[in-house]
């Protein structure tokens, strides 16, 4: 009886997705330690231009770097700097406006970053905006 109960319990755990923990750097779900992160920073107040810049930032990354997004080599993250946990980004990157920052991470640590200030100039020109983001992200990917 105990053997049947143990077998049943084990089967239920396996069917429910129970798995042994995987050490960092192992397994299919391990995140790459080397990657390029595209951060779009915004606050609570957002105007139409701010929404447009986030839309273009995300769109360019998704259009040109689909495979890299899937593998984790490229990450897109929209971050509200008015949230308490994210206020450090204002200091870290010297933010003074809505911004798109490209960050190169090697061995889990940021080694360099760039504020793509021309997003304001290209906000209402999707083609120029996408080309700008593509060029900048590609240059960072070459360093991985």
C-alpha atoms as a PDB file:
ATOM      1  CA  UNK A   1       0.000   0.000   0.000  1.00  0.00           C
ATOM      2  CA  UNK A   2       2.785   2.438   0.902  1.00  0.00           C
ATOM      3  CA  UNK A   3       4.558   1.711  -2.368  1.00  0.00           C
ATOM      4  CA  UNK A   4       1.382   2.512  -4.339  1.00  0.00           C
ATOM      5  CA  UNK A   5       0.854   5.722  -2.360  1.00  0.00           C
ATOM      6  CA  UNK A   6       4.469   6.782  -2.927  1.00  0.00           C
ATOM      7  CA  UNK A   7       4.186   6.030  -6.666  1.00  0.00           C
ATOM      8  CA  UNK A   8       0.927   8.008  -6.869  1.00  0.00           C
ATOM      9  CA  UNK A   9       2.427  10.969  -4.995  1.00  0.00           C
ATOM     10  CA  UNK A  10       5.528  10.933  -7.191  1.00  0.00           C
ATOM     11  CA  UNK A  11       3.375  10.828 -10.327  1.00  0.00           C
ATOM     12  CA  UNK A  12       1.298  13.793  -9.149  1.00  0.00           C
ATOM     13  CA  UNK A  13       4.414  15.835  -8.368  1.00  0.00           C
ATOM     14  CA  UNK A  14       5.900  15.110 -11.784  1.00  0.00           C
ATOM     15  CA  UNK A  15       2.643  15.951 -13.570  1.00  0.00           C
ATOM     16  CA  UNK A  16       2.378  19.237 -11.681  1.00  0.00           C
ATOM     17  CA  UNK A  17       5.774  20.373 -12.864  1.00  0.00           C
ATOM     18  CA  UNK A  18       7.740  19.625  -9.721  1.00  0.00           C
ATOM     19  CA  UNK A  19      11.436  19.611 -10.484  1.00  0.00           C
ATOM     20  CA  UNK A  20      14.668  19.619  -8.611  1.00  0.00           C
ATOM     21  CA  UNK A  21      16.304  23.039  -8.400  1.00  0.00           C
ATOM     22  CA  UNK A  22      18.870  23.799 -11.084  1.00  0.00           C
ATOM     23  CA  UNK A  23      22.079  25.566 -10.154  1.00  0.00           C
ATOM     24  CA  UNK A  24      22.754  28.916 -11.773  1.00  0.00           C
ATOM     25  CA  UNK A  25      24.204  28.645 -15.245  1.00  0.00           C
ATOM     26  CA  UNK A  26      22.731  25.210 -15.881  1.00  0.00           C
ATOM     27  CA  UNK A  27      19.629  24.038 -17.684  1.00  0.00           C
ATOM     28  CA  UNK A  28      17.560  25.394 -20.540  1.00  0.00           C
ATOM     29  CA  UNK A  29      16.062  28.206 -18.470  1.00  0.00           C
ATOM     30  CA  UNK A  30      19.390  29.675 -17.362  1.00  0.00           C
ATOM     31  CA  UNK A  31      19.670  33.339 -18.381  1.00  0.00           C
ATOM     32  CA  UNK A  32      22.761  34.343 -20.331  1.00  0.00           C
ATOM     33  CA  UNK A  33      25.327  36.219 -18.266  1.00  0.00           C
ATOM     34  CA  UNK A  34      26.308  38.200 -21.387  1.00  0.00           C
ATOM     35  CA  UNK A  35      23.512  40.269 -22.905  1.00  0.00           C
ATOM     36  CA  UNK A  36      22.358  43.615 -24.173  1.00  0.00           C
ATOM     37  CA  UNK A  37      19.537  45.292 -22.270  1.00  0.00           C
ATOM     38  CA  UNK A  38      17.391  48.017 -23.814  1.00  0.00           C
ATOM     39  CA  UNK A  39      15.803  49.957 -20.936  1.00  0.00           C
ATOM     40  CA  UNK A  40      13.040  52.443 -21.711  1.00  0.00           C
ATOM     41  CA  UNK A  41      12.743  54.715 -18.665  1.00  0.00           C
ATOM     42  CA  UNK A  42       9.583  56.685 -17.949  1.00  0.00           C
ATOM     43  CA  UNK A  43       7.738  58.183 -15.001  1.00  0.00           C
ATOM     44  CA  UNK A  44       4.132  58.173 -13.839  1.00  0.00           C
ATOM     45  CA  UNK A  45       3.191  61.109 -16.063  1.00  0.00           C
ATOM     46  CA  UNK A  46       3.367  60.158 -19.722  1.00  0.00           C
ATOM     47  CA  UNK A  47       2.518  62.293 -22.716  1.00  0.00           C
ATOM     48  CA  UNK A  48       1.725  60.988 -26.226  1.00  0.00           C
ATOM     49  CA  UNK A  49       5.389  61.392 -27.239  1.00  0.00           C
ATOM     50  CA  UNK A  50       6.508  59.306 -24.250  1.00  0.00           C
ATOM     51  CA  UNK A  51       4.116  56.509 -25.181  1.00  0.00           C
ATOM     52  CA  UNK A  52       5.249  56.702 -28.808  1.00  0.00           C
ATOM     53  CA  UNK A  53       8.935  56.423 -27.817  1.00  0.00           C
ATOM     54  CA  UNK A  54       8.237  53.339 -25.704  1.00  0.00           C
ATOM     55  CA  UNK A  55       6.201  51.820 -28.531  1.00  0.00           C
ATOM     56  CA  UNK A  56       9.015  52.434 -31.041  1.00  0.00           C
ATOM     57  CA  UNK A  57      11.711  51.220 -28.632  1.00  0.00           C
ATOM     58  CA  UNK A  58       9.907  47.950 -27.999  1.00  0.00           C
ATOM     59  CA  UNK A  59       8.898  47.615 -31.652  1.00  0.00           C
ATOM     60  CA  UNK A  60      12.431  48.070 -32.990  1.00  0.00           C
ATOM     61  CA  UNK A  61      13.892  45.537 -30.569  1.00  0.00           C
ATOM     62  CA  UNK A  62      11.142  43.006 -31.310  1.00  0.00           C
ATOM     63  CA  UNK A  63      11.406  43.514 -35.078  1.00  0.00           C
ATOM     64  CA  UNK A  64      15.164  43.285 -35.493  1.00  0.00           C
ATOM     65  CA  UNK A  65      16.215  41.059 -32.586  1.00  0.00           C
ATOM     66  CA  UNK A  66      13.511  38.383 -32.342  1.00  0.00           C
ATOM     67  CA  UNK A  67      15.979  35.488 -32.062  1.00  0.00           C
ATOM     68  CA  UNK A  68      18.183  37.336 -29.568  1.00  0.00           C
ATOM     69  CA  UNK A  69      15.130  38.154 -27.434  1.00  0.00           C
ATOM     70  CA  UNK A  70      14.095  34.502 -27.449  1.00  0.00           C
ATOM     71  CA  UNK A  71      17.567  33.378 -26.381  1.00  0.00           C
ATOM     72  CA  UNK A  72      17.977  36.094 -23.735  1.00  0.00           C
ATOM     73  CA  UNK A  73      20.936  37.754 -25.503  1.00  0.00           C
ATOM     74  CA  UNK A  74      18.762  40.872 -25.832  1.00  0.00           C
ATOM     75  CA  UNK A  75      16.294  42.041 -23.195  1.00  0.00           C
ATOM     76  CA  UNK A  76      13.773  44.862 -23.418  1.00  0.00           C
ATOM     77  CA  UNK A  77      12.511  46.416 -20.204  1.00  0.00           C
ATOM     78  CA  UNK A  78      10.203  49.380 -19.658  1.00  0.00           C
ATOM     79  CA  UNK A  79      10.946  50.829 -16.221  1.00  0.00           C
ATOM     80  CA  UNK A  80       8.949  53.402 -14.242  1.00  0.00           C
ATOM     81  CA  UNK A  81      11.528  55.484 -12.394  1.00  0.00           C
ATOM     82  CA  UNK A  82       8.853  56.973 -10.139  1.00  0.00           C
ATOM     83  CA  UNK A  83       8.501  53.606  -8.406  1.00  0.00           C
ATOM     84  CA  UNK A  84      10.608  53.473  -5.250  1.00  0.00           C
ATOM     85  CA  UNK A  85      12.503  50.315  -6.252  1.00  0.00           C
ATOM     86  CA  UNK A  86      13.568  51.930  -9.557  1.00  0.00           C
ATOM     87  CA  UNK A  87      14.700  55.364  -8.359  1.00  0.00           C
ATOM     88  CA  UNK A  88      18.339  54.242  -8.338  1.00  0.00           C
ATOM     89  CA  UNK A  89      18.289  54.184 -12.162  1.00  0.00           C
ATOM     90  CA  UNK A  90      17.987  57.986 -12.181  1.00  0.00           C
ATOM     91  CA  UNK A  91      21.311  58.218 -10.328  1.00  0.00           C
ATOM     92  CA  UNK A  92      22.906  55.250 -12.086  1.00  0.00           C
ATOM     93  CA  UNK A  93      22.348  56.673 -15.570  1.00  0.00           C
ATOM     94  CA  UNK A  94      22.022  60.401 -14.836  1.00  0.00           C
ATOM     95  CA  UNK A  95      18.463  60.413 -16.190  1.00  0.00           C
ATOM     96  CA  UNK A  96      16.693  63.744 -16.580  1.00  0.00           C
ATOM     97  CA  UNK A  97      13.966  62.820 -19.084  1.00  0.00           C
ATOM     98  CA  UNK A  98      12.287  59.788 -20.621  1.00  0.00           C
ATOM     99  CA  UNK A  99      15.212  57.771 -21.972  1.00  0.00           C
ATOM    100  CA  UNK A 100      16.282  54.673 -23.856  1.00  0.00           C
ATOM    101  CA  UNK A 101      19.484  53.233 -22.404  1.00  0.00           C
ATOM    102  CA  UNK A 102      21.390  50.419 -24.066  1.00  0.00           C
ATOM    103  CA  UNK A 103      23.406  48.402 -21.545  1.00  0.00           C
ATOM    104  CA  UNK A 104      26.119  45.829 -22.243  1.00  0.00           C
ATOM    105  CA  UNK A 105      26.279  43.138 -19.570  1.00  0.00           C
ATOM    106  CA  UNK A 106      29.197  40.709 -19.411  1.00  0.00           C
ATOM    107  CA  UNK A 107      29.563  38.015 -16.790  1.00  0.00           C
ATOM    108  CA  UNK A 108      26.448  39.399 -15.120  1.00  0.00           C
ATOM    109  CA  UNK A 109      27.851  42.951 -14.702  1.00  0.00           C
ATOM    110  CA  UNK A 110      27.234  46.053 -16.752  1.00  0.00           C
ATOM    111  CA  UNK A 111      30.414  47.085 -18.552  1.00  0.00           C
ATOM    112  CA  UNK A 112      29.073  50.047 -20.494  1.00  0.00           C
ATOM    113  CA  UNK A 113      25.883  51.845 -21.415  1.00  0.00           C
ATOM    114  CA  UNK A 114      24.649  54.566 -23.725  1.00  0.00           C
ATOM    115  CA  UNK A 115      21.735  56.976 -23.517  1.00  0.00           C
ATOM    116  CA  UNK A 116      20.115  57.107 -26.966  1.00  0.00           C
ATOM    117  CA  UNK A 117      19.234  60.804 -26.803  1.00  0.00           C
ATOM    118  CA  UNK A 118      18.111  61.021 -30.437  1.00  0.00           C
ATOM    119  CA  UNK A 119      14.892  59.179 -29.578  1.00  0.00           C
ATOM    120  CA  UNK A 120      13.386  62.607 -28.914  1.00  0.00           C
ATOM    121  CA  UNK A 121      14.382  63.777 -32.374  1.00  0.00           C
ATOM    122  CA  UNK A 122      13.000  60.627 -34.051  1.00  0.00           C
ATOM    123  CA  UNK A 123       9.922  60.112 -31.839  1.00  0.00           C
ATOM    124  CA  UNK A 124       7.466  60.767 -34.656  1.00  0.00           C
ATOM    125  CA  UNK A 125       9.586  59.227 -37.437  1.00  0.00           C
ATOM    126  CA  UNK A 126       9.247  55.478 -36.998  1.00  0.00           C
ATOM    127  CA  UNK A 127      11.728  54.516 -39.739  1.00  0.00           C
ATOM    128  CA  UNK A 128      14.515  56.752 -38.351  1.00  0.00           C
ATOM    129  CA  UNK A 129      13.756  55.654 -34.782  1.00  0.00           C
ATOM    130  CA  UNK A 130      13.869  51.936 -35.679  1.00  0.00           C
ATOM    131  CA  UNK A 131      17.087  52.350 -37.694  1.00  0.00           C
ATOM    132  CA  UNK A 132      18.711  54.262 -34.818  1.00  0.00           C
ATOM    133  CA  UNK A 133      17.825  51.600 -32.241  1.00  0.00           C
ATOM    134  CA  UNK A 134      18.851  48.762 -34.595  1.00  0.00           C
ATOM    135  CA  UNK A 135      22.268  50.309 -35.244  1.00  0.00           C
ATOM    136  CA  UNK A 136      22.982  50.940 -31.567  1.00  0.00           C
ATOM    137  CA  UNK A 137      21.870  47.501 -30.348  1.00  0.00           C
ATOM    138  CA  UNK A 138      23.842  45.790 -33.141  1.00  0.00           C
ATOM    139  CA  UNK A 139      26.993  47.640 -32.109  1.00  0.00           C
ATOM    140  CA  UNK A 140      26.590  46.360 -28.540  1.00  0.00           C
ATOM    141  CA  UNK A 141      25.831  42.809 -29.681  1.00  0.00           C
ATOM    142  CA  UNK A 142      29.160  42.732 -31.531  1.00  0.00           C
ATOM    143  CA  UNK A 143      30.881  43.020 -28.149  1.00  0.00           C
ATOM    144  CA  UNK A 144      29.274  39.930 -26.648  1.00  0.00           C
END
